[in-house]
């Protein structure tokens, strides 16, 4: 009789590292580039050991100029390589916004389909780690506004491990937002897990009474809220968007058609947020399925405080999601 392979314990960080190792091993065109990704092992330890394994040509430390090394990644992609560019935190990506917005996202269109940019850009996003106002942004919604980009937000160990391969296979630039609070998240990775379907959201918890829609670092809090609601007689379905551009609106509206109520949980600020876009899509495409207004749970509209109790107060918490669900259901 054959032996049955069991799920292996790992962390989000290790899963991402394994994804990078697999990409570097399977395709000579792939290389990793960014600040401190080499000997130091990455600002958050994701690339630890890869420099020693693959050498300085494949794991390349870049100077402290996001515009320069993102531009180099775009050039390498145009030349036939498959670069993975790491930006330490999402706020630093603003220093490369011209490269991302005006070059990576537009070259295929402006060249009449002649110049594809198969580039992957990874960056850490989100708050909850006492990094204060300059390093706690959630700007995924900004990038989801830009045509020509695919925007991903892996929220689980499985997605951290298996989103990278299809991202590298995409002919268009792909941005991967890794929430900093997830790197230490531990769990088991099934050996049967495979490449992620980047076109569809995932139902993380089925339910019948209300749909809770979220992504990235807010998924764990939303699932915690769903468990609490279950104990209070409310059966919540949890949708993980996974891909923020293009949005899988069909999965969202199908869930709302089953539950007739919705709460959107988004760590970004409420004004102009991705939560606003999702709420608008529900209103446009599933308005007559709703039995209550769509609720939104977002961060307080302030620069993120450093003090832990103030940071926690500013961020969406499970209790906020529970309260929003009760407003919709009761």
C-alpha atoms as a PDB file:
ATOM      1  CA  UNK A   1       0.000   0.000   0.000  1.00  0.00           C
ATOM      2  CA  UNK A   2       1.161   3.523  -0.803  1.00  0.00           C
ATOM      3  CA  UNK A   3       1.878   5.982   1.957  1.00  0.00           C
ATOM      4  CA  UNK A   4      -0.421   8.952   2.360  1.00  0.00           C
ATOM      5  CA  UNK A   5       1.328  12.323   2.451  1.00  0.00           C
ATOM      6  CA  UNK A   6       0.076  14.508   5.269  1.00  0.00           C
ATOM      7  CA  UNK A   7      -0.165  18.275   5.441  1.00  0.00           C
ATOM      8  CA  UNK A   8       3.089  19.940   6.454  1.00  0.00           C
ATOM      9  CA  UNK A   9       3.298  22.607   9.173  1.00  0.00           C
ATOM     10  CA  UNK A  10       4.630  25.922   7.881  1.00  0.00           C
ATOM     11  CA  UNK A  11       4.157  29.674   8.090  1.00  0.00           C
ATOM     12  CA  UNK A  12       3.015  32.318   5.636  1.00  0.00           C
ATOM     13  CA  UNK A  13       6.633  33.548   5.395  1.00  0.00           C
ATOM     14  CA  UNK A  14       7.990  30.067   4.703  1.00  0.00           C
ATOM     15  CA  UNK A  15       5.267  29.393   2.150  1.00  0.00           C
ATOM     16  CA  UNK A  16       6.201  32.542   0.261  1.00  0.00           C
ATOM     17  CA  UNK A  17       9.882  31.566   0.426  1.00  0.00           C
ATOM     18  CA  UNK A  18       9.062  28.122  -0.976  1.00  0.00           C
ATOM     19  CA  UNK A  19       7.150  29.789  -3.811  1.00  0.00           C
ATOM     20  CA  UNK A  20      10.169  31.944  -4.622  1.00  0.00           C
ATOM     21  CA  UNK A  21      12.490  28.917  -4.454  1.00  0.00           C
ATOM     22  CA  UNK A  22      10.250  26.964  -6.818  1.00  0.00           C
ATOM     23  CA  UNK A  23      10.095  29.877  -9.275  1.00  0.00           C
ATOM     24  CA  UNK A  24      13.875  30.343  -9.280  1.00  0.00           C
ATOM     25  CA  UNK A  25      14.476  26.598  -9.659  1.00  0.00           C
ATOM     26  CA  UNK A  26      12.011  26.006 -12.476  1.00  0.00           C
ATOM     27  CA  UNK A  27      12.772  28.926 -14.795  1.00  0.00           C
ATOM     28  CA  UNK A  28      16.191  30.455 -15.501  1.00  0.00           C
ATOM     29  CA  UNK A  29      14.493  33.689 -16.575  1.00  0.00           C
ATOM     30  CA  UNK A  30      13.230  34.346 -13.045  1.00  0.00           C
ATOM     31  CA  UNK A  31      15.271  36.482 -10.671  1.00  0.00           C
ATOM     32  CA  UNK A  32      14.510  38.312  -7.434  1.00  0.00           C
ATOM     33  CA  UNK A  33      15.568  41.928  -6.970  1.00  0.00           C
ATOM     34  CA  UNK A  34      15.080  44.483  -4.224  1.00  0.00           C
ATOM     35  CA  UNK A  35      16.548  46.169  -1.170  1.00  0.00           C
ATOM     36  CA  UNK A  36      18.235  43.731   1.227  1.00  0.00           C
ATOM     37  CA  UNK A  37      16.767  40.636  -0.457  1.00  0.00           C
ATOM     38  CA  UNK A  38      20.217  39.014  -0.772  1.00  0.00           C
ATOM     39  CA  UNK A  39      22.628  38.376   2.095  1.00  0.00           C
ATOM     40  CA  UNK A  40      20.290  39.969   4.641  1.00  0.00           C
ATOM     41  CA  UNK A  41      17.420  37.706   3.575  1.00  0.00           C
ATOM     42  CA  UNK A  42      14.788  40.383   3.041  1.00  0.00           C
ATOM     43  CA  UNK A  43      13.411  43.012   5.373  1.00  0.00           C
ATOM     44  CA  UNK A  44      10.824  40.488   6.624  1.00  0.00           C
ATOM     45  CA  UNK A  45      12.966  37.387   6.161  1.00  0.00           C
ATOM     46  CA  UNK A  46      11.054  36.034   3.168  1.00  0.00           C
ATOM     47  CA  UNK A  47      14.129  35.492   0.969  1.00  0.00           C
ATOM     48  CA  UNK A  48      16.369  34.182   3.760  1.00  0.00           C
ATOM     49  CA  UNK A  49      18.795  31.591   2.354  1.00  0.00           C
ATOM     50  CA  UNK A  50      17.942  32.142  -1.317  1.00  0.00           C
ATOM     51  CA  UNK A  51      21.072  34.222  -1.970  1.00  0.00           C
ATOM     52  CA  UNK A  52      23.273  31.363  -0.786  1.00  0.00           C
ATOM     53  CA  UNK A  53      21.255  28.870  -2.823  1.00  0.00           C
ATOM     54  CA  UNK A  54      20.981  30.737  -6.129  1.00  0.00           C
ATOM     55  CA  UNK A  55      23.769  33.313  -6.062  1.00  0.00           C
ATOM     56  CA  UNK A  56      23.969  37.072  -6.645  1.00  0.00           C
ATOM     57  CA  UNK A  57      22.834  36.951 -10.286  1.00  0.00           C
ATOM     58  CA  UNK A  58      19.480  35.421  -9.362  1.00  0.00           C
ATOM     59  CA  UNK A  59      18.946  37.145  -5.993  1.00  0.00           C
ATOM     60  CA  UNK A  60      20.074  40.716  -6.510  1.00  0.00           C
ATOM     61  CA  UNK A  61      20.418  43.430  -3.900  1.00  0.00           C
ATOM     62  CA  UNK A  62      19.313  46.778  -5.302  1.00  0.00           C
ATOM     63  CA  UNK A  63      20.297  50.335  -4.320  1.00  0.00           C
ATOM     64  CA  UNK A  64      17.910  52.436  -2.243  1.00  0.00           C
ATOM     65  CA  UNK A  65      16.009  53.763  -5.243  1.00  0.00           C
ATOM     66  CA  UNK A  66      12.600  52.220  -5.858  1.00  0.00           C
ATOM     67  CA  UNK A  67      12.174  54.087  -9.122  1.00  0.00           C
ATOM     68  CA  UNK A  68      15.493  52.718 -10.398  1.00  0.00           C
ATOM     69  CA  UNK A  69      15.068  49.064  -9.518  1.00  0.00           C
ATOM     70  CA  UNK A  70      11.382  48.874 -10.482  1.00  0.00           C
ATOM     71  CA  UNK A  71      12.379  50.489 -13.782  1.00  0.00           C
ATOM     72  CA  UNK A  72      15.141  47.893 -14.148  1.00  0.00           C
ATOM     73  CA  UNK A  73      12.561  45.182 -13.547  1.00  0.00           C
ATOM     74  CA  UNK A  74      10.344  46.615 -16.274  1.00  0.00           C
ATOM     75  CA  UNK A  75      13.281  46.670 -18.663  1.00  0.00           C
ATOM     76  CA  UNK A  76      14.195  43.088 -17.827  1.00  0.00           C
ATOM     77  CA  UNK A  77      10.594  41.976 -18.391  1.00  0.00           C
ATOM     78  CA  UNK A  78      10.552  43.711 -21.770  1.00  0.00           C
ATOM     79  CA  UNK A  79      13.768  41.857 -22.643  1.00  0.00           C
ATOM     80  CA  UNK A  80      12.226  38.451 -21.933  1.00  0.00           C
ATOM     81  CA  UNK A  81      13.124  37.880 -18.287  1.00  0.00           C
ATOM     82  CA  UNK A  82      10.625  37.124 -15.509  1.00  0.00           C
ATOM     83  CA  UNK A  83      11.665  39.482 -12.703  1.00  0.00           C
ATOM     84  CA  UNK A  84      10.234  39.455  -9.198  1.00  0.00           C
ATOM     85  CA  UNK A  85      10.784  42.876  -7.641  1.00  0.00           C
ATOM     86  CA  UNK A  86      10.392  43.250  -3.870  1.00  0.00           C
ATOM     87  CA  UNK A  87       9.516  46.627  -2.371  1.00  0.00           C
ATOM     88  CA  UNK A  88       9.943  46.673   1.410  1.00  0.00           C
ATOM     89  CA  UNK A  89       6.633  48.322   2.311  1.00  0.00           C
ATOM     90  CA  UNK A  90       3.788  49.748   0.295  1.00  0.00           C
ATOM     91  CA  UNK A  91       4.573  53.355   1.207  1.00  0.00           C
ATOM     92  CA  UNK A  92       7.939  53.008  -0.553  1.00  0.00           C
ATOM     93  CA  UNK A  93       6.132  51.949  -3.725  1.00  0.00           C
ATOM     94  CA  UNK A  94       5.009  55.565  -4.084  1.00  0.00           C
ATOM     95  CA  UNK A  95       8.612  56.377  -4.998  1.00  0.00           C
ATOM     96  CA  UNK A  96       8.170  54.072  -8.007  1.00  0.00           C
ATOM     97  CA  UNK A  97       4.620  55.109  -8.881  1.00  0.00           C
ATOM     98  CA  UNK A  98       5.684  56.720 -12.153  1.00  0.00           C
ATOM     99  CA  UNK A  99       7.316  53.460 -13.260  1.00  0.00           C
ATOM    100  CA  UNK A 100       4.315  51.366 -12.204  1.00  0.00           C
ATOM    101  CA  UNK A 101       1.557  53.644 -13.492  1.00  0.00           C
ATOM    102  CA  UNK A 102       3.112  55.248 -16.564  1.00  0.00           C
ATOM    103  CA  UNK A 103       5.302  52.395 -17.787  1.00  0.00           C
ATOM    104  CA  UNK A 104       4.426  48.914 -16.486  1.00  0.00           C
ATOM    105  CA  UNK A 105       0.663  49.394 -16.705  1.00  0.00           C
ATOM    106  CA  UNK A 106       0.569  51.223 -20.043  1.00  0.00           C
ATOM    107  CA  UNK A 107       3.272  49.864 -22.353  1.00  0.00           C
ATOM    108  CA  UNK A 108       1.193  47.002 -23.767  1.00  0.00           C
ATOM    109  CA  UNK A 109      -1.614  49.417 -24.655  1.00  0.00           C
ATOM    110  CA  UNK A 110       0.621  52.197 -25.965  1.00  0.00           C
ATOM    111  CA  UNK A 111       2.638  49.789 -28.117  1.00  0.00           C
ATOM    112  CA  UNK A 112      -0.440  48.341 -29.762  1.00  0.00           C
ATOM    113  CA  UNK A 113       0.100  44.981 -28.088  1.00  0.00           C
ATOM    114  CA  UNK A 114       3.776  44.682 -29.011  1.00  0.00           C
ATOM    115  CA  UNK A 115       5.371  45.211 -25.584  1.00  0.00           C
ATOM    116  CA  UNK A 116       4.146  42.996 -22.745  1.00  0.00           C
ATOM    117  CA  UNK A 117       5.552  43.549 -19.247  1.00  0.00           C
ATOM    118  CA  UNK A 118       5.494  40.184 -17.392  1.00  0.00           C
ATOM    119  CA  UNK A 119       6.691  41.676 -14.118  1.00  0.00           C
ATOM    120  CA  UNK A 120       5.775  40.656 -10.556  1.00  0.00           C
ATOM    121  CA  UNK A 121       6.109  43.257  -7.794  1.00  0.00           C
ATOM    122  CA  UNK A 122       5.792  42.076  -4.186  1.00  0.00           C
ATOM    123  CA  UNK A 123       5.365  44.418  -1.246  1.00  0.00           C
ATOM    124  CA  UNK A 124       4.350  44.352   2.402  1.00  0.00           C
ATOM    125  CA  UNK A 125       1.186  46.202   3.300  1.00  0.00           C
ATOM    126  CA  UNK A 126      -1.036  46.926   6.274  1.00  0.00           C
ATOM    127  CA  UNK A 127      -0.932  48.027   9.892  1.00  0.00           C
ATOM    128  CA  UNK A 128      -1.143  46.346  13.286  1.00  0.00           C
ATOM    129  CA  UNK A 129       2.599  46.136  13.983  1.00  0.00           C
ATOM    130  CA  UNK A 130       3.221  49.545  15.592  1.00  0.00           C
ATOM    131  CA  UNK A 131       5.083  50.941  12.588  1.00  0.00           C
ATOM    132  CA  UNK A 132       3.269  54.279  12.848  1.00  0.00           C
ATOM    133  CA  UNK A 133       1.941  56.518  10.111  1.00  0.00           C
ATOM    134  CA  UNK A 134       4.661  56.087   7.478  1.00  0.00           C
ATOM    135  CA  UNK A 135       4.791  52.282   7.342  1.00  0.00           C
ATOM    136  CA  UNK A 136       1.214  51.192   8.029  1.00  0.00           C
ATOM    137  CA  UNK A 137      -0.593  52.052   4.823  1.00  0.00           C
ATOM    138  CA  UNK A 138      -3.105  49.869   2.992  1.00  0.00           C
ATOM    139  CA  UNK A 139      -2.893  51.264  -0.537  1.00  0.00           C
ATOM    140  CA  UNK A 140      -3.994  48.183  -2.479  1.00  0.00           C
ATOM    141  CA  UNK A 141      -7.155  50.042  -3.500  1.00  0.00           C
ATOM    142  CA  UNK A 142      -5.051  52.753  -5.132  1.00  0.00           C
ATOM    143  CA  UNK A 143      -3.360  50.216  -7.370  1.00  0.00           C
ATOM    144  CA  UNK A 144      -6.620  48.378  -8.027  1.00  0.00           C
ATOM    145  CA  UNK A 145      -7.750  51.640  -9.643  1.00  0.00           C
ATOM    146  CA  UNK A 146      -5.153  51.315 -12.438  1.00  0.00           C
ATOM    147  CA  UNK A 147      -6.022  49.487 -15.695  1.00  0.00           C
ATOM    148  CA  UNK A 148      -3.248  47.250 -16.967  1.00  0.00           C
ATOM    149  CA  UNK A 149      -2.338  45.800 -13.567  1.00  0.00           C
ATOM    150  CA  UNK A 150      -3.421  42.647 -11.793  1.00  0.00           C
ATOM    151  CA  UNK A 151      -3.564  43.152  -8.017  1.00  0.00           C
ATOM    152  CA  UNK A 152      -3.389  40.192  -5.627  1.00  0.00           C
ATOM    153  CA  UNK A 153      -3.809  39.952  -1.848  1.00  0.00           C
ATOM    154  CA  UNK A 154      -2.918  36.467  -0.535  1.00  0.00           C
ATOM    155  CA  UNK A 155      -4.632  35.975   2.822  1.00  0.00           C
ATOM    156  CA  UNK A 156      -3.836  32.322   3.525  1.00  0.00           C
ATOM    157  CA  UNK A 157      -0.767  30.097   3.625  1.00  0.00           C
ATOM    158  CA  UNK A 158      -2.055  28.256   0.559  1.00  0.00           C
ATOM    159  CA  UNK A 159      -2.373  31.478  -1.416  1.00  0.00           C
ATOM    160  CA  UNK A 160       1.037  32.693  -0.245  1.00  0.00           C
ATOM    161  CA  UNK A 161       2.528  29.444  -1.553  1.00  0.00           C
ATOM    162  CA  UNK A 162       0.619  29.088  -4.804  1.00  0.00           C
ATOM    163  CA  UNK A 163      -0.245  32.577  -6.115  1.00  0.00           C
ATOM    164  CA  UNK A 164       3.263  33.325  -7.358  1.00  0.00           C
ATOM    165  CA  UNK A 165       3.420  30.736 -10.158  1.00  0.00           C
ATOM    166  CA  UNK A 166       0.291  31.945 -12.005  1.00  0.00           C
ATOM    167  CA  UNK A 167       1.374  35.537 -11.357  1.00  0.00           C
ATOM    168  CA  UNK A 168       4.660  34.853 -13.139  1.00  0.00           C
ATOM    169  CA  UNK A 169       2.771  33.203 -15.991  1.00  0.00           C
ATOM    170  CA  UNK A 170       0.624  36.313 -16.476  1.00  0.00           C
ATOM    171  CA  UNK A 171       1.800  38.417 -19.447  1.00  0.00           C
ATOM    172  CA  UNK A 172       0.786  41.599 -17.622  1.00  0.00           C
ATOM    173  CA  UNK A 173       2.361  43.201 -14.536  1.00  0.00           C
ATOM    174  CA  UNK A 174       1.133  41.697 -11.264  1.00  0.00           C
ATOM    175  CA  UNK A 175       1.300  43.355  -7.836  1.00  0.00           C
ATOM    176  CA  UNK A 176       1.231  41.068  -4.783  1.00  0.00           C
ATOM    177  CA  UNK A 177       0.347  42.699  -1.453  1.00  0.00           C
ATOM    178  CA  UNK A 178       1.499  40.643   1.548  1.00  0.00           C
ATOM    179  CA  UNK A 179       0.030  41.829   4.845  1.00  0.00           C
ATOM    180  CA  UNK A 180       2.821  42.207   7.394  1.00  0.00           C
ATOM    181  CA  UNK A 181       0.760  40.701  10.212  1.00  0.00           C
ATOM    182  CA  UNK A 182       0.502  37.405   8.317  1.00  0.00           C
ATOM    183  CA  UNK A 183       4.184  36.488   7.972  1.00  0.00           C
ATOM    184  CA  UNK A 184       4.263  34.637  11.295  1.00  0.00           C
ATOM    185  CA  UNK A 185       0.866  33.001  10.769  1.00  0.00           C
ATOM    186  CA  UNK A 186       1.308  29.254  11.158  1.00  0.00           C
ATOM    187  CA  UNK A 187      -0.718  26.420   9.710  1.00  0.00           C
ATOM    188  CA  UNK A 188      -0.595  23.306   7.603  1.00  0.00           C
ATOM    189  CA  UNK A 189      -0.089  23.272   3.865  1.00  0.00           C
ATOM    190  CA  UNK A 190      -1.751  20.431   2.042  1.00  0.00           C
ATOM    191  CA  UNK A 191       0.491  18.681  -0.491  1.00  0.00           C
ATOM    192  CA  UNK A 192      -2.505  18.546  -2.827  1.00  0.00           C
ATOM    193  CA  UNK A 193      -2.776  22.343  -2.959  1.00  0.00           C
ATOM    194  CA  UNK A 194      -1.851  23.752  -6.346  1.00  0.00           C
ATOM    195  CA  UNK A 195      -1.770  26.965  -8.383  1.00  0.00           C
ATOM    196  CA  UNK A 196      -4.415  29.481  -7.354  1.00  0.00           C
ATOM    197  CA  UNK A 197      -7.190  30.514  -9.716  1.00  0.00           C
ATOM    198  CA  UNK A 198      -6.459  34.239  -9.875  1.00  0.00           C
ATOM    199  CA  UNK A 199      -9.766  35.034 -11.557  1.00  0.00           C
ATOM    200  CA  UNK A 200     -12.100  34.004  -8.754  1.00  0.00           C
ATOM    201  CA  UNK A 201     -12.766  34.909  -5.144  1.00  0.00           C
ATOM    202  CA  UNK A 202     -12.906  32.153  -2.535  1.00  0.00           C
ATOM    203  CA  UNK A 203     -15.720  31.259  -0.141  1.00  0.00           C
ATOM    204  CA  UNK A 204     -13.786  30.794   3.102  1.00  0.00           C
ATOM    205  CA  UNK A 205     -16.903  30.041   5.161  1.00  0.00           C
ATOM    206  CA  UNK A 206     -20.356  29.199   3.783  1.00  0.00           C
ATOM    207  CA  UNK A 207     -23.385  30.851   5.348  1.00  0.00           C
ATOM    208  CA  UNK A 208     -26.978  31.818   4.735  1.00  0.00           C
ATOM    209  CA  UNK A 209     -27.771  35.000   6.704  1.00  0.00           C
ATOM    210  CA  UNK A 210     -25.195  37.610   5.649  1.00  0.00           C
ATOM    211  CA  UNK A 211     -22.144  37.937   3.384  1.00  0.00           C
ATOM    212  CA  UNK A 212     -18.901  39.269   4.880  1.00  0.00           C
ATOM    213  CA  UNK A 213     -16.537  40.390   2.092  1.00  0.00           C
ATOM    214  CA  UNK A 214     -12.855  41.025   2.776  1.00  0.00           C
ATOM    215  CA  UNK A 215      -9.278  40.313   1.687  1.00  0.00           C
ATOM    216  CA  UNK A 216      -5.686  40.095   2.914  1.00  0.00           C
ATOM    217  CA  UNK A 217      -4.943  40.781   6.551  1.00  0.00           C
ATOM    218  CA  UNK A 218      -8.600  41.320   7.431  1.00  0.00           C
ATOM    219  CA  UNK A 219      -9.630  37.758   6.575  1.00  0.00           C
ATOM    220  CA  UNK A 220      -8.645  36.309   9.963  1.00  0.00           C
ATOM    221  CA  UNK A 221     -10.549  39.023  11.832  1.00  0.00           C
ATOM    222  CA  UNK A 222     -13.578  38.506   9.606  1.00  0.00           C
ATOM    223  CA  UNK A 223     -13.568  34.742  10.189  1.00  0.00           C
ATOM    224  CA  UNK A 224     -13.316  35.403  13.938  1.00  0.00           C
ATOM    225  CA  UNK A 225     -16.331  37.690  13.655  1.00  0.00           C
ATOM    226  CA  UNK A 226     -18.222  35.021  11.701  1.00  0.00           C
ATOM    227  CA  UNK A 227     -17.564  32.480  14.448  1.00  0.00           C
ATOM    228  CA  UNK A 228     -18.860  34.918  17.066  1.00  0.00           C
ATOM    229  CA  UNK A 229     -21.936  35.638  14.968  1.00  0.00           C
ATOM    230  CA  UNK A 230     -22.607  31.920  14.676  1.00  0.00           C
ATOM    231  CA  UNK A 231     -22.819  31.721  18.459  1.00  0.00           C
ATOM    232  CA  UNK A 232     -25.354  34.549  18.343  1.00  0.00           C
ATOM    233  CA  UNK A 233     -27.584  32.832  15.798  1.00  0.00           C
ATOM    234  CA  UNK A 234     -26.297  34.559  12.637  1.00  0.00           C
ATOM    235  CA  UNK A 235     -24.869  32.293   9.915  1.00  0.00           C
ATOM    236  CA  UNK A 236     -22.297  34.412   8.024  1.00  0.00           C
ATOM    237  CA  UNK A 237     -20.707  33.587   4.699  1.00  0.00           C
ATOM    238  CA  UNK A 238     -17.137  34.901   4.286  1.00  0.00           C
ATOM    239  CA  UNK A 239     -15.816  35.845   0.853  1.00  0.00           C
ATOM    240  CA  UNK A 240     -12.075  36.361   0.346  1.00  0.00           C
ATOM    241  CA  UNK A 241     -11.663  38.552  -2.736  1.00  0.00           C
ATOM    242  CA  UNK A 242      -8.075  37.317  -3.331  1.00  0.00           C
ATOM    243  CA  UNK A 243      -7.749  39.370  -6.524  1.00  0.00           C
ATOM    244  CA  UNK A 244      -8.539  43.073  -6.178  1.00  0.00           C
ATOM    245  CA  UNK A 245      -8.164  43.854  -9.850  1.00  0.00           C
ATOM    246  CA  UNK A 246      -9.966  42.512 -11.717  1.00  0.00           C
ATOM    247  CA  UNK A 247     -12.653  42.026  -9.068  1.00  0.00           C
ATOM    248  CA  UNK A 248     -14.678  38.829  -9.160  1.00  0.00           C
ATOM    249  CA  UNK A 249     -17.972  40.663  -8.862  1.00  0.00           C
ATOM    250  CA  UNK A 250     -19.949  37.591  -9.941  1.00  0.00           C
ATOM    251  CA  UNK A 251     -18.928  35.621  -6.842  1.00  0.00           C
ATOM    252  CA  UNK A 252     -19.783  38.554  -4.592  1.00  0.00           C
ATOM    253  CA  UNK A 253     -23.213  39.130  -6.084  1.00  0.00           C
ATOM    254  CA  UNK A 254     -23.966  35.396  -6.120  1.00  0.00           C
ATOM    255  CA  UNK A 255     -23.309  35.291  -2.384  1.00  0.00           C
ATOM    256  CA  UNK A 256     -25.432  38.390  -1.765  1.00  0.00           C
ATOM    257  CA  UNK A 257     -28.231  36.775  -3.760  1.00  0.00           C
ATOM    258  CA  UNK A 258     -28.130  33.889  -1.261  1.00  0.00           C
ATOM    259  CA  UNK A 259     -27.869  35.912   1.953  1.00  0.00           C
ATOM    260  CA  UNK A 260     -29.486  39.253   0.980  1.00  0.00           C
ATOM    261  CA  UNK A 261     -27.185  41.258   3.260  1.00  0.00           C
ATOM    262  CA  UNK A 262     -23.550  42.341   3.032  1.00  0.00           C
ATOM    263  CA  UNK A 263     -20.719  43.805   5.104  1.00  0.00           C
ATOM    264  CA  UNK A 264     -17.464  44.841   3.405  1.00  0.00           C
ATOM    265  CA  UNK A 265     -14.364  44.769   5.629  1.00  0.00           C
ATOM    266  CA  UNK A 266     -11.386  46.787   4.399  1.00  0.00           C
ATOM    267  CA  UNK A 267      -8.354  47.959   6.395  1.00  0.00           C
ATOM    268  CA  UNK A 268      -7.949  50.985   4.127  1.00  0.00           C
ATOM    269  CA  UNK A 269      -9.553  54.331   4.907  1.00  0.00           C
ATOM    270  CA  UNK A 270     -13.268  54.490   4.169  1.00  0.00           C
ATOM    271  CA  UNK A 271     -13.201  57.428   1.737  1.00  0.00           C
ATOM    272  CA  UNK A 272     -12.430  56.265  -1.793  1.00  0.00           C
ATOM    273  CA  UNK A 273     -11.660  52.757  -0.584  1.00  0.00           C
ATOM    274  CA  UNK A 274     -11.899  49.364  -2.257  1.00  0.00           C
ATOM    275  CA  UNK A 275     -14.818  48.807   0.134  1.00  0.00           C
ATOM    276  CA  UNK A 276     -16.568  51.710  -1.579  1.00  0.00           C
ATOM    277  CA  UNK A 277     -16.031  50.071  -4.975  1.00  0.00           C
ATOM    278  CA  UNK A 278     -17.340  46.697  -3.792  1.00  0.00           C
ATOM    279  CA  UNK A 279     -20.369  48.351  -2.184  1.00  0.00           C
ATOM    280  CA  UNK A 280     -21.058  50.235  -5.402  1.00  0.00           C
ATOM    281  CA  UNK A 281     -20.843  47.067  -7.487  1.00  0.00           C
ATOM    282  CA  UNK A 282     -23.308  45.327  -5.175  1.00  0.00           C
ATOM    283  CA  UNK A 283     -25.688  48.281  -5.474  1.00  0.00           C
ATOM    284  CA  UNK A 284     -25.342  48.298  -9.269  1.00  0.00           C
ATOM    285  CA  UNK A 285     -25.648  44.556  -9.882  1.00  0.00           C
ATOM    286  CA  UNK A 286     -27.534  43.098  -6.903  1.00  0.00           C
ATOM    287  CA  UNK A 287     -29.602  45.978  -5.531  1.00  0.00           C
ATOM    288  CA  UNK A 288     -32.904  44.115  -5.605  1.00  0.00           C
ATOM    289  CA  UNK A 289     -31.342  41.173  -3.756  1.00  0.00           C
ATOM    290  CA  UNK A 290     -30.593  43.354  -0.715  1.00  0.00           C
ATOM    291  CA  UNK A 291     -32.827  43.362   2.344  1.00  0.00           C
ATOM    292  CA  UNK A 292     -30.662  45.972   4.116  1.00  0.00           C
ATOM    293  CA  UNK A 293     -28.103  48.633   3.178  1.00  0.00           C
ATOM    294  CA  UNK A 294     -24.542  47.450   2.582  1.00  0.00           C
ATOM    295  CA  UNK A 295     -22.384  48.034   5.662  1.00  0.00           C
ATOM    296  CA  UNK A 296     -18.687  48.965   5.559  1.00  0.00           C
ATOM    297  CA  UNK A 297     -16.039  48.432   8.240  1.00  0.00           C
ATOM    298  CA  UNK A 298     -12.847  50.402   7.554  1.00  0.00           C
ATOM    299  CA  UNK A 299      -9.969  52.049   9.403  1.00  0.00           C
ATOM    300  CA  UNK A 300     -10.421  55.366  11.140  1.00  0.00           C
ATOM    301  CA  UNK A 301      -9.600  58.292   8.856  1.00  0.00           C
ATOM    302  CA  UNK A 302      -6.410  59.300  10.652  1.00  0.00           C
ATOM    303  CA  UNK A 303      -2.692  58.700  10.076  1.00  0.00           C
ATOM    304  CA  UNK A 304      -2.052  55.384  11.792  1.00  0.00           C
ATOM    305  CA  UNK A 305      -1.101  55.942  15.467  1.00  0.00           C
ATOM    306  CA  UNK A 306       2.028  54.373  16.945  1.00  0.00           C
ATOM    307  CA  UNK A 307       0.617  53.598  20.418  1.00  0.00           C
ATOM    308  CA  UNK A 308      -0.723  50.054  20.405  1.00  0.00           C
ATOM    309  CA  UNK A 309      -4.095  50.796  21.988  1.00  0.00           C
ATOM    310  CA  UNK A 310      -4.675  53.692  19.572  1.00  0.00           C
ATOM    311  CA  UNK A 311      -3.613  51.595  16.578  1.00  0.00           C
ATOM    312  CA  UNK A 312      -6.025  48.837  17.598  1.00  0.00           C
ATOM    313  CA  UNK A 313      -8.781  51.406  18.009  1.00  0.00           C
ATOM    314  CA  UNK A 314      -8.109  52.790  14.531  1.00  0.00           C
ATOM    315  CA  UNK A 315      -8.171  49.398  12.781  1.00  0.00           C
ATOM    316  CA  UNK A 316     -11.203  47.229  11.984  1.00  0.00           C
ATOM    317  CA  UNK A 317     -11.669  44.627  14.720  1.00  0.00           C
ATOM    318  CA  UNK A 318     -13.916  41.540  14.919  1.00  0.00           C
ATOM    319  CA  UNK A 319     -16.269  43.403  17.269  1.00  0.00           C
ATOM    320  CA  UNK A 320     -16.762  46.100  14.620  1.00  0.00           C
ATOM    321  CA  UNK A 321     -17.639  43.476  12.029  1.00  0.00           C
ATOM    322  CA  UNK A 322     -20.079  41.792  14.416  1.00  0.00           C
ATOM    323  CA  UNK A 323     -21.761  45.122  15.159  1.00  0.00           C
ATOM    324  CA  UNK A 324     -22.087  45.924  11.441  1.00  0.00           C
ATOM    325  CA  UNK A 325     -23.576  42.488  10.766  1.00  0.00           C
ATOM    326  CA  UNK A 326     -26.172  42.952  13.472  1.00  0.00           C
ATOM    327  CA  UNK A 327     -27.127  46.347  12.019  1.00  0.00           C
ATOM    328  CA  UNK A 328     -27.829  44.613   8.729  1.00  0.00           C
ATOM    329  CA  UNK A 329     -29.573  41.548  10.130  1.00  0.00           C
ATOM    330  CA  UNK A 330     -31.524  42.814  13.130  1.00  0.00           C
END
